[in-house]
Amino acid sequence: MRIKDIFKLSAFPVFVASLCCLSPVILVSFGLASVSFGASLATTLYGTYKWAFRAVGLILLAVSLVAYLRRQKGICTIDDAVRRKNEIINLIAITLVIGVLGYIFFLYVVVHYLGVFLSLWA
């Protein structure tokens, strides 16, 4: 498996998991909300619902892994999965690590500095 495939698998789940703080930035940048509303929305979404966004991101990561294994690798039955269990375990571990690191980088670096640039938070 190439690293490009792993990034493709984890890009959308990382984006969805980061929507708790990205959605106020998007609303403010498109002029659909004021900065004060965006800041309060970010506080509410990140403070109260961050685990829900993270859980949805993790579920989407699992779904993308299953779809990849079925379509690209041809692992459709339990017998196939048992025979190739080491490959599956390695793929899950690498994808999970890349997904968590991507989430941390995207949320705490990219979204944070974009929010600072838009004056949503200090």
PDB file of N, CA and C in Angstrom:
ATOM      1  N   MET A   1       0.841  -1.175   0.000  1.00  0.00           N
ATOM      2  CA  MET A   1       0.000   0.000   0.000  1.00  0.00           C
ATOM      3  C   MET A   1       0.883   1.234   0.000  1.00  0.00           C
ATOM      4  N   ARG A   2       0.500   2.173  -0.787  1.00  0.00           N
ATOM      5  CA  ARG A   2       1.248   3.420  -0.865  1.00  0.00           C
ATOM      6  C   ARG A   2       0.724   4.412   0.155  1.00  0.00           C
ATOM      7  N   ILE A   3       1.585   5.345   0.533  1.00  0.00           N
ATOM      8  CA  ILE A   3       1.211   6.367   1.505  1.00  0.00           C
ATOM      9  C   ILE A   3       0.116   7.280   0.932  1.00  0.00           C
ATOM     10  N   LYS A   4       0.102   7.410  -0.388  1.00  0.00           N
ATOM     11  CA  LYS A   4      -0.941   8.210  -1.049  1.00  0.00           C
ATOM     12  C   LYS A   4      -2.319   7.609  -0.801  1.00  0.00           C
ATOM     13  N   ASP A   5      -2.419   6.298  -0.839  1.00  0.00           N
ATOM     14  CA  ASP A   5      -3.695   5.628  -0.572  1.00  0.00           C
ATOM     15  C   ASP A   5      -4.140   5.828   0.874  1.00  0.00           C
ATOM     16  N   ILE A   6      -3.187   5.807   1.783  1.00  0.00           N
ATOM     17  CA  ILE A   6      -3.530   6.005   3.195  1.00  0.00           C
ATOM     18  C   ILE A   6      -4.055   7.420   3.416  1.00  0.00           C
ATOM     19  N   PHE A   7      -3.432   8.407   2.779  1.00  0.00           N
ATOM     20  CA  PHE A   7      -3.931   9.773   2.902  1.00  0.00           C
ATOM     21  C   PHE A   7      -5.311   9.926   2.271  1.00  0.00           C
ATOM     22  N   LYS A   8      -5.558   9.217   1.176  1.00  0.00           N
ATOM     23  CA  LYS A   8      -6.894   9.250   0.564  1.00  0.00           C
ATOM     24  C   LYS A   8      -7.935   8.643   1.503  1.00  0.00           C
ATOM     25  N   LEU A   9      -7.568   7.556   2.187  1.00  0.00           N
ATOM     26  CA  LEU A   9      -8.498   6.905   3.111  1.00  0.00           C
ATOM     27  C   LEU A   9      -8.843   7.796   4.293  1.00  0.00           C
ATOM     28  N   SER A  10      -7.874   8.556   4.778  1.00  0.00           N
ATOM     29  CA  SER A  10      -8.085   9.289   6.019  1.00  0.00           C
ATOM     30  C   SER A  10      -8.426  10.759   5.828  1.00  0.00           C
ATOM     31  N   ALA A  11      -8.389  11.290   4.621  1.00  0.00           N
ATOM     32  CA  ALA A  11      -8.623  12.721   4.414  1.00  0.00           C
ATOM     33  C   ALA A  11     -10.054  13.136   4.765  1.00  0.00           C
ATOM     34  N   PHE A  12     -11.040  12.454   4.228  1.00  0.00           N
ATOM     35  CA  PHE A  12     -12.433  12.832   4.502  1.00  0.00           C
ATOM     36  C   PHE A  12     -12.823  12.620   5.965  1.00  0.00           C
ATOM     37  N   PRO A  13     -12.458  11.487   6.604  1.00  0.00           N
ATOM     38  CA  PRO A  13     -12.777  11.354   8.031  1.00  0.00           C
ATOM     39  C   PRO A  13     -12.119  12.415   8.901  1.00  0.00           C
ATOM     40  N   VAL A  14     -10.902  12.823   8.571  1.00  0.00           N
ATOM     41  CA  VAL A  14     -10.238  13.891   9.325  1.00  0.00           C
ATOM     42  C   VAL A  14     -10.986  15.203   9.137  1.00  0.00           C
ATOM     43  N   PHE A  15     -11.413  15.488   7.924  1.00  0.00           N
ATOM     44  CA  PHE A  15     -12.180  16.704   7.653  1.00  0.00           C
ATOM     45  C   PHE A  15     -13.484  16.717   8.440  1.00  0.00           C
ATOM     46  N   VAL A  16     -14.202  15.609   8.445  1.00  0.00           N
ATOM     47  CA  VAL A  16     -15.479  15.531   9.165  1.00  0.00           C
ATOM     48  C   VAL A  16     -15.264  15.661  10.670  1.00  0.00           C
ATOM     49  N   ALA A  17     -14.216  15.023  11.194  1.00  0.00           N
ATOM     50  CA  ALA A  17     -13.947  15.119  12.627  1.00  0.00           C
ATOM     51  C   ALA A  17     -13.553  16.534  13.029  1.00  0.00           C
ATOM     52  N   SER A  18     -13.025  17.317  12.101  1.00  0.00           N
ATOM     53  CA  SER A  18     -12.593  18.679  12.403  1.00  0.00           C
ATOM     54  C   SER A  18     -13.693  19.715  12.206  1.00  0.00           C
ATOM     55  N   LEU A  19     -14.862  19.299  11.784  1.00  0.00           N
ATOM     56  CA  LEU A  19     -15.936  20.254  11.522  1.00  0.00           C
ATOM     57  C   LEU A  19     -16.424  20.982  12.764  1.00  0.00           C
ATOM     58  N   CYS A  20     -16.099  20.478  13.947  1.00  0.00           N
ATOM     59  CA  CYS A  20     -16.526  21.178  15.156  1.00  0.00           C
ATOM     60  C   CYS A  20     -15.911  22.573  15.223  1.00  0.00           C
ATOM     61  N   CYS A  21     -14.708  22.730  14.756  1.00  0.00           N
ATOM     62  CA  CYS A  21     -14.063  24.045  14.760  1.00  0.00           C
ATOM     63  C   CYS A  21     -13.945  24.657  13.372  1.00  0.00           C
ATOM     64  N   LEU A  22     -14.060  23.843  12.352  1.00  0.00           N
ATOM     65  CA  LEU A  22     -13.939  24.359  10.992  1.00  0.00           C
ATOM     66  C   LEU A  22     -15.222  25.038  10.515  1.00  0.00           C
ATOM     67  N   SER A  23     -16.365  24.569  10.958  1.00  0.00           N
ATOM     68  CA  SER A  23     -17.621  25.152  10.480  1.00  0.00           C
ATOM     69  C   SER A  23     -17.786  26.624  10.868  1.00  0.00           C
ATOM     70  N   PRO A  24     -17.413  27.066  12.089  1.00  0.00           N
ATOM     71  CA  PRO A  24     -17.492  28.507  12.350  1.00  0.00           C
ATOM     72  C   PRO A  24     -16.536  29.321  11.483  1.00  0.00           C
ATOM     73  N   VAL A  25     -15.367  28.775  11.205  1.00  0.00           N
ATOM     74  CA  VAL A  25     -14.414  29.470  10.338  1.00  0.00           C
ATOM     75  C   VAL A  25     -14.987  29.623   8.936  1.00  0.00           C
ATOM     76  N   ILE A  26     -15.625  28.578   8.434  1.00  0.00           N
ATOM     77  CA  ILE A  26     -16.225  28.631   7.102  1.00  0.00           C
ATOM     78  C   ILE A  26     -17.370  29.642   7.075  1.00  0.00           C
ATOM     79  N   LEU A  27     -18.202  29.619   8.111  1.00  0.00           N
ATOM     80  CA  LEU A  27     -19.327  30.559   8.156  1.00  0.00           C
ATOM     81  C   LEU A  27     -18.850  32.002   8.177  1.00  0.00           C
ATOM     82  N   VAL A  28     -17.829  32.296   8.963  1.00  0.00           N
ATOM     83  CA  VAL A  28     -17.317  33.662   9.049  1.00  0.00           C
ATOM     84  C   VAL A  28     -16.609  34.061   7.760  1.00  0.00           C
ATOM     85  N   SER A  29     -15.837  33.153   7.179  1.00  0.00           N
ATOM     86  CA  SER A  29     -15.094  33.513   5.972  1.00  0.00           C
ATOM     87  C   SER A  29     -16.010  33.765   4.777  1.00  0.00           C
ATOM     88  N   PHE A  30     -17.169  33.113   4.721  1.00  0.00           N
ATOM     89  CA  PHE A  30     -18.117  33.369   3.645  1.00  0.00           C
ATOM     90  C   PHE A  30     -19.105  34.486   3.972  1.00  0.00           C
ATOM     91  N   GLY A  31     -18.973  35.085   5.145  1.00  0.00           N
ATOM     92  CA  GLY A  31     -19.832  36.192   5.524  1.00  0.00           C
ATOM     93  C   GLY A  31     -21.220  35.774   5.954  1.00  0.00           C
ATOM     94  N   LEU A  32     -21.401  34.513   6.302  1.00  0.00           N
ATOM     95  CA  LEU A  32     -22.719  34.031   6.726  1.00  0.00           C
ATOM     96  C   LEU A  32     -22.953  34.194   8.217  1.00  0.00           C
ATOM     97  N   ALA A  33     -21.900  34.551   8.953  1.00  0.00           N
ATOM     98  CA  ALA A  33     -22.026  34.739  10.403  1.00  0.00           C
ATOM     99  C   ALA A  33     -21.040  35.807  10.835  1.00  0.00           C
ATOM    100  N   SER A  34     -21.356  36.433  11.965  1.00  0.00           N
ATOM    101  CA  SER A  34     -20.432  37.422  12.511  1.00  0.00           C
ATOM    102  C   SER A  34     -19.319  36.711  13.271  1.00  0.00           C
ATOM    103  N   VAL A  35     -18.286  37.456  13.604  1.00  0.00           N
ATOM    104  CA  VAL A  35     -17.157  36.872  14.321  1.00  0.00           C
ATOM    105  C   VAL A  35     -17.578  36.442  15.719  1.00  0.00           C
ATOM    106  N   SER A  36     -18.422  37.215  16.373  1.00  0.00           N
ATOM    107  CA  SER A  36     -18.850  36.843  17.726  1.00  0.00           C
ATOM    108  C   SER A  36     -19.719  35.577  17.709  1.00  0.00           C
ATOM    109  N   PHE A  37     -20.593  35.451  16.709  1.00  0.00           N
ATOM    110  CA  PHE A  37     -21.380  34.231  16.600  1.00  0.00           C
ATOM    111  C   PHE A  37     -20.485  33.041  16.278  1.00  0.00           C
ATOM    112  N   GLY A  38     -19.519  33.230  15.394  1.00  0.00           N
ATOM    113  CA  GLY A  38     -18.589  32.154  15.062  1.00  0.00           C
ATOM    114  C   GLY A  38     -17.783  31.708  16.267  1.00  0.00           C
ATOM    115  N   ALA A  39     -17.349  32.659  17.081  1.00  0.00           N
ATOM    116  CA  ALA A  39     -16.581  32.303  18.277  1.00  0.00           C
ATOM    117  C   ALA A  39     -17.445  31.543  19.276  1.00  0.00           C
ATOM    118  N   SER A  40     -18.689  31.980  19.465  1.00  0.00           N
ATOM    119  CA  SER A  40     -19.559  31.268  20.402  1.00  0.00           C
ATOM    120  C   SER A  40     -19.944  29.889  19.860  1.00  0.00           C
ATOM    121  N   LEU A  41     -20.134  29.788  18.554  1.00  0.00           N
ATOM    122  CA  LEU A  41     -20.436  28.489  17.951  1.00  0.00           C
ATOM    123  C   LEU A  41     -19.257  27.539  18.085  1.00  0.00           C
ATOM    124  N   ALA A  42     -18.048  28.057  17.893  1.00  0.00           N
ATOM    125  CA  ALA A  42     -16.850  27.224  18.051  1.00  0.00           C
ATOM    126  C   ALA A  42     -16.709  26.738  19.479  1.00  0.00           C
ATOM    127  N   THR A  43     -17.002  27.609  20.433  1.00  0.00           N
ATOM    128  CA  THR A  43     -16.927  27.213  21.839  1.00  0.00           C
ATOM    129  C   THR A  43     -17.959  26.142  22.158  1.00  0.00           C
ATOM    130  N   THR A  44     -19.155  26.314  21.654  1.00  0.00           N
ATOM    131  CA  THR A  44     -20.211  25.335  21.909  1.00  0.00           C
ATOM    132  C   THR A  44     -19.910  23.997  21.239  1.00  0.00           C
ATOM    133  N   LEU A  45     -19.558  24.029  19.966  1.00  0.00           N
ATOM    134  CA  LEU A  45     -19.315  22.779  19.243  1.00  0.00           C
ATOM    135  C   LEU A  45     -18.097  22.045  19.778  1.00  0.00           C
ATOM    136  N   TYR A  46     -17.016  22.772  20.038  1.00  0.00           N
ATOM    137  CA  TYR A  46     -15.809  22.103  20.514  1.00  0.00           C
ATOM    138  C   TYR A  46     -15.945  21.694  21.974  1.00  0.00           C
ATOM    139  N   GLY A  47     -16.605  22.500  22.774  1.00  0.00           N
ATOM    140  CA  GLY A  47     -16.734  22.174  24.188  1.00  0.00           C
ATOM    141  C   GLY A  47     -17.711  21.052  24.470  1.00  0.00           C
ATOM    142  N   THR A  48     -18.836  21.049  23.797  1.00  0.00           N
ATOM    143  CA  THR A  48     -19.893  20.086  24.094  1.00  0.00           C
ATOM    144  C   THR A  48     -19.900  18.880  23.165  1.00  0.00           C
ATOM    145  N   TYR A  49     -19.646  19.103  21.891  1.00  0.00           N
ATOM    146  CA  TYR A  49     -19.859  18.049  20.898  1.00  0.00           C
ATOM    147  C   TYR A  49     -18.586  17.521  20.238  1.00  0.00           C
ATOM    148  N   LYS A  50     -17.418  17.834  20.790  1.00  0.00           N
ATOM    149  CA  LYS A  50     -16.186  17.400  20.124  1.00  0.00           C
ATOM    150  C   LYS A  50     -16.073  15.885  20.056  1.00  0.00           C
ATOM    151  N   TRP A  51     -16.563  15.187  21.070  1.00  0.00           N
ATOM    152  CA  TRP A  51     -16.475  13.715  21.042  1.00  0.00           C
ATOM    153  C   TRP A  51     -17.425  13.114  20.024  1.00  0.00           C
ATOM    154  N   ALA A  52     -18.535  13.773  19.773  1.00  0.00           N
ATOM    155  CA  ALA A  52     -19.452  13.287  18.736  1.00  0.00           C
ATOM    156  C   ALA A  52     -18.809  13.431  17.352  1.00  0.00           C
ATOM    157  N   PHE A  53     -18.163  14.558  17.095  1.00  0.00           N
ATOM    158  CA  PHE A  53     -17.475  14.743  15.820  1.00  0.00           C
ATOM    159  C   PHE A  53     -16.334  13.749  15.669  1.00  0.00           C
ATOM    160  N   ARG A  54     -15.596  13.512  16.735  1.00  0.00           N
ATOM    161  CA  ARG A  54     -14.498  12.548  16.687  1.00  0.00           C
ATOM    162  C   ARG A  54     -15.023  11.132  16.439  1.00  0.00           C
ATOM    163  N   ALA A  55     -16.138  10.792  17.065  1.00  0.00           N
ATOM    164  CA  ALA A  55     -16.714   9.452  16.873  1.00  0.00           C
ATOM    165  C   ALA A  55     -17.184   9.263  15.423  1.00  0.00           C
ATOM    166  N   VAL A  56     -17.811  10.280  14.869  1.00  0.00           N
ATOM    167  CA  VAL A  56     -18.249  10.199  13.476  1.00  0.00           C
ATOM    168  C   VAL A  56     -17.044  10.068  12.549  1.00  0.00           C
ATOM    169  N   GLY A  57     -15.978  10.800  12.838  1.00  0.00           N
ATOM    170  CA  GLY A  57     -14.758  10.678  12.043  1.00  0.00           C
ATOM    171  C   GLY A  57     -14.156   9.286  12.125  1.00  0.00           C
ATOM    172  N   LEU A  58     -14.169   8.698  13.313  1.00  0.00           N
ATOM    173  CA  LEU A  58     -13.644   7.345  13.487  1.00  0.00           C
ATOM    174  C   LEU A  58     -14.509   6.313  12.764  1.00  0.00           C
ATOM    175  N   ILE A  59     -15.815   6.492  12.804  1.00  0.00           N
ATOM    176  CA  ILE A  59     -16.722   5.590  12.083  1.00  0.00           C
ATOM    177  C   ILE A  59     -16.497   5.706  10.574  1.00  0.00           C
ATOM    178  N   LEU A  60     -16.329   6.926  10.083  1.00  0.00           N
ATOM    179  CA  LEU A  60     -16.061   7.112   8.657  1.00  0.00           C
ATOM    180  C   LEU A  60     -14.714   6.523   8.259  1.00  0.00           C
ATOM    181  N   LEU A  61     -13.735   6.577   9.152  1.00  0.00           N
ATOM    182  CA  LEU A  61     -12.444   5.951   8.873  1.00  0.00           C
ATOM    183  C   LEU A  61     -12.595   4.440   8.760  1.00  0.00           C
ATOM    184  N   ALA A  62     -13.385   3.847   9.642  1.00  0.00           N
ATOM    185  CA  ALA A  62     -13.629   2.403   9.575  1.00  0.00           C
ATOM    186  C   ALA A  62     -14.371   2.032   8.297  1.00  0.00           C
ATOM    187  N   VAL A  63     -15.351   2.820   7.923  1.00  0.00           N
ATOM    188  CA  VAL A  63     -16.102   2.553   6.691  1.00  0.00           C
ATOM    189  C   VAL A  63     -15.190   2.663   5.469  1.00  0.00           C
ATOM    190  N   SER A  64     -14.329   3.670   5.456  1.00  0.00           N
ATOM    191  CA  SER A  64     -13.427   3.812   4.313  1.00  0.00           C
ATOM    192  C   SER A  64     -12.415   2.666   4.251  1.00  0.00           C
ATOM    193  N   LEU A  65     -11.974   2.167   5.399  1.00  0.00           N
ATOM    194  CA  LEU A  65     -11.075   1.012   5.421  1.00  0.00           C
ATOM    195  C   LEU A  65     -11.755  -0.238   4.883  1.00  0.00           C
ATOM    196  N   VAL A  66     -12.986  -0.482   5.315  1.00  0.00           N
ATOM    197  CA  VAL A  66     -13.724  -1.652   4.839  1.00  0.00           C
ATOM    198  C   VAL A  66     -13.960  -1.552   3.336  1.00  0.00           C
ATOM    199  N   ALA A  67     -14.333  -0.374   2.868  1.00  0.00           N
ATOM    200  CA  ALA A  67     -14.556  -0.200   1.431  1.00  0.00           C
ATOM    201  C   ALA A  67     -13.257  -0.405   0.652  1.00  0.00           C
ATOM    202  N   TYR A  68     -12.157   0.092   1.177  1.00  0.00           N
ATOM    203  CA  TYR A  68     -10.871  -0.093   0.502  1.00  0.00           C
ATOM    204  C   TYR A  68     -10.479  -1.566   0.460  1.00  0.00           C
ATOM    205  N   LEU A  69     -10.651  -2.249   1.568  1.00  0.00           N
ATOM    206  CA  LEU A  69     -10.280  -3.663   1.613  1.00  0.00           C
ATOM    207  C   LEU A  69     -11.141  -4.503   0.671  1.00  0.00           C
ATOM    208  N   ARG A  70     -12.392  -4.156   0.550  1.00  0.00           N
ATOM    209  CA  ARG A  70     -13.271  -4.920  -0.336  1.00  0.00           C
ATOM    210  C   ARG A  70     -13.020  -4.622  -1.799  1.00  0.00           C
ATOM    211  N   ARG A  71     -12.832  -3.349  -2.131  1.00  0.00           N
ATOM    212  CA  ARG A  71     -12.694  -2.985  -3.545  1.00  0.00           C
ATOM    213  C   ARG A  71     -11.280  -3.169  -4.072  1.00  0.00           C
ATOM    214  N   GLN A  72     -10.307  -2.644  -3.360  1.00  0.00           N
ATOM    215  CA  GLN A  72      -8.940  -2.637  -3.878  1.00  0.00           C
ATOM    216  C   GLN A  72      -8.191  -3.934  -3.590  1.00  0.00           C
ATOM    217  N   LYS A  73      -8.378  -4.471  -2.411  1.00  0.00           N
ATOM    218  CA  LYS A  73      -7.622  -5.657  -2.011  1.00  0.00           C
ATOM    219  C   LYS A  73      -8.370  -6.958  -2.270  1.00  0.00           C
ATOM    220  N   GLY A  74      -9.651  -6.899  -2.527  1.00  0.00           N
ATOM    221  CA  GLY A  74     -10.420  -8.103  -2.822  1.00  0.00           C
ATOM    222  C   GLY A  74     -10.683  -8.974  -1.616  1.00  0.00           C
ATOM    223  N   ILE A  75     -10.700  -8.389  -0.439  1.00  0.00           N
ATOM    224  CA  ILE A  75     -10.965  -9.148   0.784  1.00  0.00           C
ATOM    225  C   ILE A  75     -12.456  -9.000   1.092  1.00  0.00           C
ATOM    226  N   CYS A  76     -13.223 -10.008   0.724  1.00  0.00           N
ATOM    227  CA  CYS A  76     -14.672  -9.921   0.873  1.00  0.00           C
ATOM    228  C   CYS A  76     -15.235 -10.943   1.863  1.00  0.00           C
ATOM    229  N   THR A  77     -14.508 -12.001   2.128  1.00  0.00           N
ATOM    230  CA  THR A  77     -15.021 -13.029   3.029  1.00  0.00           C
ATOM    231  C   THR A  77     -14.153 -13.105   4.276  1.00  0.00           C
ATOM    232  N   ILE A  78     -14.672 -13.795   5.264  1.00  0.00           N
ATOM    233  CA  ILE A  78     -13.917 -13.970   6.509  1.00  0.00           C
ATOM    234  C   ILE A  78     -12.675 -14.826   6.262  1.00  0.00           C
ATOM    235  N   ASP A  79     -12.773 -15.805   5.372  1.00  0.00           N
ATOM    236  CA  ASP A  79     -11.611 -16.637   5.060  1.00  0.00           C
ATOM    237  C   ASP A  79     -10.479 -15.802   4.454  1.00  0.00           C
ATOM    238  N   ASP A  80     -10.835 -14.869   3.561  1.00  0.00           N
ATOM    239  CA  ASP A  80      -9.821 -13.973   3.002  1.00  0.00           C
ATOM    240  C   ASP A  80      -9.190 -13.114   4.090  1.00  0.00           C
ATOM    241  N   ALA A  81     -10.024 -12.645   5.000  1.00  0.00           N
ATOM    242  CA  ALA A  81      -9.525 -11.795   6.084  1.00  0.00           C
ATOM    243  C   ALA A  81      -8.614 -12.566   7.024  1.00  0.00           C
ATOM    244  N   VAL A  82      -8.936 -13.820   7.309  1.00  0.00           N
ATOM    245  CA  VAL A  82      -8.101 -14.642   8.186  1.00  0.00           C
ATOM    246  C   VAL A  82      -6.754 -14.924   7.526  1.00  0.00           C
ATOM    247  N   ARG A  83      -6.777 -15.202   6.247  1.00  0.00           N
ATOM    248  CA  ARG A  83      -5.523 -15.479   5.541  1.00  0.00           C
ATOM    249  C   ARG A  83      -4.620 -14.265   5.475  1.00  0.00           C
ATOM    250  N   ARG A  84      -5.196 -13.095   5.386  1.00  0.00           N
ATOM    251  CA  ARG A  84      -4.404 -11.872   5.228  1.00  0.00           C
ATOM    252  C   ARG A  84      -4.510 -10.976   6.449  1.00  0.00           C
ATOM    253  N   LYS A  85      -4.629 -11.579   7.632  1.00  0.00           N
ATOM    254  CA  LYS A  85      -4.862 -10.804   8.849  1.00  0.00           C
ATOM    255  C   LYS A  85      -3.708  -9.873   9.180  1.00  0.00           C
ATOM    256  N   ASN A  86      -2.472 -10.268   8.925  1.00  0.00           N
ATOM    257  CA  ASN A  86      -1.336  -9.391   9.220  1.00  0.00           C
ATOM    258  C   ASN A  86      -1.373  -8.131   8.352  1.00  0.00           C
ATOM    259  N   GLU A  87      -1.713  -8.310   7.091  1.00  0.00           N
ATOM    260  CA  GLU A  87      -1.831  -7.157   6.203  1.00  0.00           C
ATOM    261  C   GLU A  87      -2.951  -6.225   6.660  1.00  0.00           C
ATOM    262  N   ILE A  88      -4.069  -6.789   7.082  1.00  0.00           N
ATOM    263  CA  ILE A  88      -5.207  -5.992   7.535  1.00  0.00           C
ATOM    264  C   ILE A  88      -4.864  -5.251   8.823  1.00  0.00           C
ATOM    265  N   ILE A  89      -4.228  -5.934   9.762  1.00  0.00           N
ATOM    266  CA  ILE A  89      -3.862  -5.296  11.029  1.00  0.00           C
ATOM    267  C   ILE A  89      -2.876  -4.160  10.791  1.00  0.00           C
ATOM    268  N   ASN A  90      -1.890  -4.385   9.936  1.00  0.00           N
ATOM    269  CA  ASN A  90      -0.930  -3.328   9.621  1.00  0.00           C
ATOM    270  C   ASN A  90      -1.599  -2.139   8.955  1.00  0.00           C
ATOM    271  N   LEU A  91      -2.507  -2.411   8.045  1.00  0.00           N
ATOM    272  CA  LEU A  91      -3.225  -1.339   7.359  1.00  0.00           C
ATOM    273  C   LEU A  91      -4.074  -0.536   8.336  1.00  0.00           C
ATOM    274  N   ILE A  92      -4.754  -1.220   9.232  1.00  0.00           N
ATOM    275  CA  ILE A  92      -5.575  -0.530  10.230  1.00  0.00           C
ATOM    276  C   ILE A  92      -4.704   0.333  11.137  1.00  0.00           C
ATOM    277  N   ALA A  93      -3.589  -0.217  11.595  1.00  0.00           N
ATOM    278  CA  ALA A  93      -2.711   0.534  12.497  1.00  0.00           C
ATOM    279  C   ALA A  93      -2.127   1.765  11.813  1.00  0.00           C
ATOM    280  N   ILE A  94      -1.635   1.597  10.603  1.00  0.00           N
ATOM    281  CA  ILE A  94      -1.034   2.732   9.892  1.00  0.00           C
ATOM    282  C   ILE A  94      -2.074   3.797   9.577  1.00  0.00           C
ATOM    283  N   THR A  95      -3.242   3.374   9.129  1.00  0.00           N
ATOM    284  CA  THR A  95      -4.297   4.328   8.796  1.00  0.00           C
ATOM    285  C   THR A  95      -4.799   5.062  10.033  1.00  0.00           C
ATOM    286  N   LEU A  96      -4.908   4.367  11.147  1.00  0.00           N
ATOM    287  CA  LEU A  96      -5.346   5.010  12.381  1.00  0.00           C
ATOM    288  C   LEU A  96      -4.321   6.037  12.857  1.00  0.00           C
ATOM    289  N   VAL A  97      -3.044   5.689  12.801  1.00  0.00           N
ATOM    290  CA  VAL A  97      -2.005   6.636  13.217  1.00  0.00           C
ATOM    291  C   VAL A  97      -1.991   7.858  12.299  1.00  0.00           C
ATOM    292  N   ILE A  98      -2.045   7.638  10.994  1.00  0.00           N
ATOM    293  CA  ILE A  98      -2.071   8.756  10.046  1.00  0.00           C
ATOM    294  C   ILE A  98      -3.325   9.603  10.241  1.00  0.00           C
ATOM    295  N   GLY A  99      -4.458   8.967  10.505  1.00  0.00           N
ATOM    296  CA  GLY A  99      -5.696   9.705  10.737  1.00  0.00           C
ATOM    297  C   GLY A  99      -5.632  10.562  11.988  1.00  0.00           C
ATOM    298  N   VAL A 100      -5.092  10.025  13.073  1.00  0.00           N
ATOM    299  CA  VAL A 100      -4.978  10.794  14.323  1.00  0.00           C
ATOM    300  C   VAL A 100      -3.990  11.947  14.148  1.00  0.00           C
ATOM    301  N   LEU A 101      -2.847  11.673  13.529  1.00  0.00           N
ATOM    302  CA  LEU A 101      -1.869  12.743  13.295  1.00  0.00           C
ATOM    303  C   LEU A 101      -2.424  13.805  12.346  1.00  0.00           C
ATOM    304  N   GLY A 102      -3.160  13.377  11.330  1.00  0.00           N
ATOM    305  CA  GLY A 102      -3.797  14.329  10.425  1.00  0.00           C
ATOM    306  C   GLY A 102      -4.838  15.170  11.132  1.00  0.00           C
ATOM    307  N   TYR A 103      -5.607  14.555  12.024  1.00  0.00           N
ATOM    308  CA  TYR A 103      -6.609  15.293  12.804  1.00  0.00           C
ATOM    309  C   TYR A 103      -5.942  16.331  13.687  1.00  0.00           C
ATOM    310  N   ILE A 104      -4.893  15.928  14.382  1.00  0.00           N
ATOM    311  CA  ILE A 104      -4.187  16.855  15.273  1.00  0.00           C
ATOM    312  C   ILE A 104      -3.596  18.008  14.470  1.00  0.00           C
ATOM    313  N   PHE A 105      -2.934  17.692  13.366  1.00  0.00           N
ATOM    314  CA  PHE A 105      -2.339  18.748  12.558  1.00  0.00           C
ATOM    315  C   PHE A 105      -3.404  19.663  11.972  1.00  0.00           C
ATOM    316  N   PHE A 106      -4.444  19.093  11.379  1.00  0.00           N
ATOM    317  CA  PHE A 106      -5.467  19.910  10.717  1.00  0.00           C
ATOM    318  C   PHE A 106      -6.225  20.770  11.712  1.00  0.00           C
ATOM    319  N   LEU A 107      -6.637  20.186  12.835  1.00  0.00           N
ATOM    320  CA  LEU A 107      -7.452  20.931  13.788  1.00  0.00           C
ATOM    321  C   LEU A 107      -6.634  21.918  14.595  1.00  0.00           C
ATOM    322  N   TYR A 108      -5.513  21.470  15.131  1.00  0.00           N
ATOM    323  CA  TYR A 108      -4.775  22.314  16.058  1.00  0.00           C
ATOM    324  C   TYR A 108      -3.723  23.195  15.395  1.00  0.00           C
ATOM    325  N   VAL A 109      -3.456  23.021  14.124  1.00  0.00           N
ATOM    326  CA  VAL A 109      -2.519  23.909  13.441  1.00  0.00           C
ATOM    327  C   VAL A 109      -3.250  24.702  12.359  1.00  0.00           C
ATOM    328  N   VAL A 110      -3.818  24.020  11.379  1.00  0.00           N
ATOM    329  CA  VAL A 110      -4.428  24.707  10.238  1.00  0.00           C
ATOM    330  C   VAL A 110      -5.670  25.499  10.663  1.00  0.00           C
ATOM    331  N   VAL A 111      -6.613  24.842  11.309  1.00  0.00           N
ATOM    332  CA  VAL A 111      -7.853  25.520  11.692  1.00  0.00           C
ATOM    333  C   VAL A 111      -7.589  26.582  12.753  1.00  0.00           C
ATOM    334  N   HIS A 112      -6.683  26.308  13.677  1.00  0.00           N
ATOM    335  CA  HIS A 112      -6.384  27.289  14.719  1.00  0.00           C
ATOM    336  C   HIS A 112      -5.826  28.576  14.118  1.00  0.00           C
ATOM    337  N   TYR A 113      -4.835  28.460  13.250  1.00  0.00           N
ATOM    338  CA  TYR A 113      -4.244  29.662  12.680  1.00  0.00           C
ATOM    339  C   TYR A 113      -5.171  30.349  11.690  1.00  0.00           C
ATOM    340  N   LEU A 114      -6.049  29.606  11.053  1.00  0.00           N
ATOM    341  CA  LEU A 114      -7.063  30.225  10.212  1.00  0.00           C
ATOM    342  C   LEU A 114      -8.057  31.001  11.072  1.00  0.00           C
ATOM    343  N   GLY A 115      -8.414  30.447  12.225  1.00  0.00           N
ATOM    344  CA  GLY A 115      -9.288  31.161  13.158  1.00  0.00           C
ATOM    345  C   GLY A 115      -8.636  32.394  13.747  1.00  0.00           C
ATOM    346  N   VAL A 116      -7.347  32.322  14.028  1.00  0.00           N
ATOM    347  CA  VAL A 116      -6.619  33.500  14.519  1.00  0.00           C
ATOM    348  C   VAL A 116      -6.574  34.567  13.436  1.00  0.00           C
ATOM    349  N   PHE A 117      -6.351  34.139  12.188  1.00  0.00           N
ATOM    350  CA  PHE A 117      -6.310  35.082  11.074  1.00  0.00           C
ATOM    351  C   PHE A 117      -7.648  35.793  10.916  1.00  0.00           C
ATOM    352  N   LEU A 118      -8.760  35.094  11.128  1.00  0.00           N
ATOM    353  CA  LEU A 118     -10.087  35.687  11.012  1.00  0.00           C
ATOM    354  C   LEU A 118     -10.563  36.333  12.300  1.00  0.00           C
ATOM    355  N   SER A 119      -9.716  36.357  13.324  1.00  0.00           N
ATOM    356  CA  SER A 119     -10.004  36.958  14.638  1.00  0.00           C
ATOM    357  C   SER A 119     -11.131  36.253  15.380  1.00  0.00           C
ATOM    358  N   LEU A 120     -11.287  34.955  15.162  1.00  0.00           N
ATOM    359  CA  LEU A 120     -12.285  34.197  15.915  1.00  0.00           C
ATOM    360  C   LEU A 120     -11.819  33.915  17.330  1.00  0.00           C
ATOM    361  N   TRP A 121     -10.540  33.635  17.493  1.00  0.00           N
ATOM    362  CA  TRP A 121      -9.967  33.379  18.800  1.00  0.00           C
ATOM    363  C   TRP A 121      -8.540  33.892  18.802  1.00  0.00           C
ATOM    364  N   ALA A 122      -8.018  34.075  20.001  1.00  0.00           N
ATOM    365  CA  ALA A 122      -6.659  34.648  20.127  1.00  0.00           C
ATOM    366  C   ALA A 122      -5.593  33.589  20.072  1.00  0.00           C
TER     367      ALA A 122
END
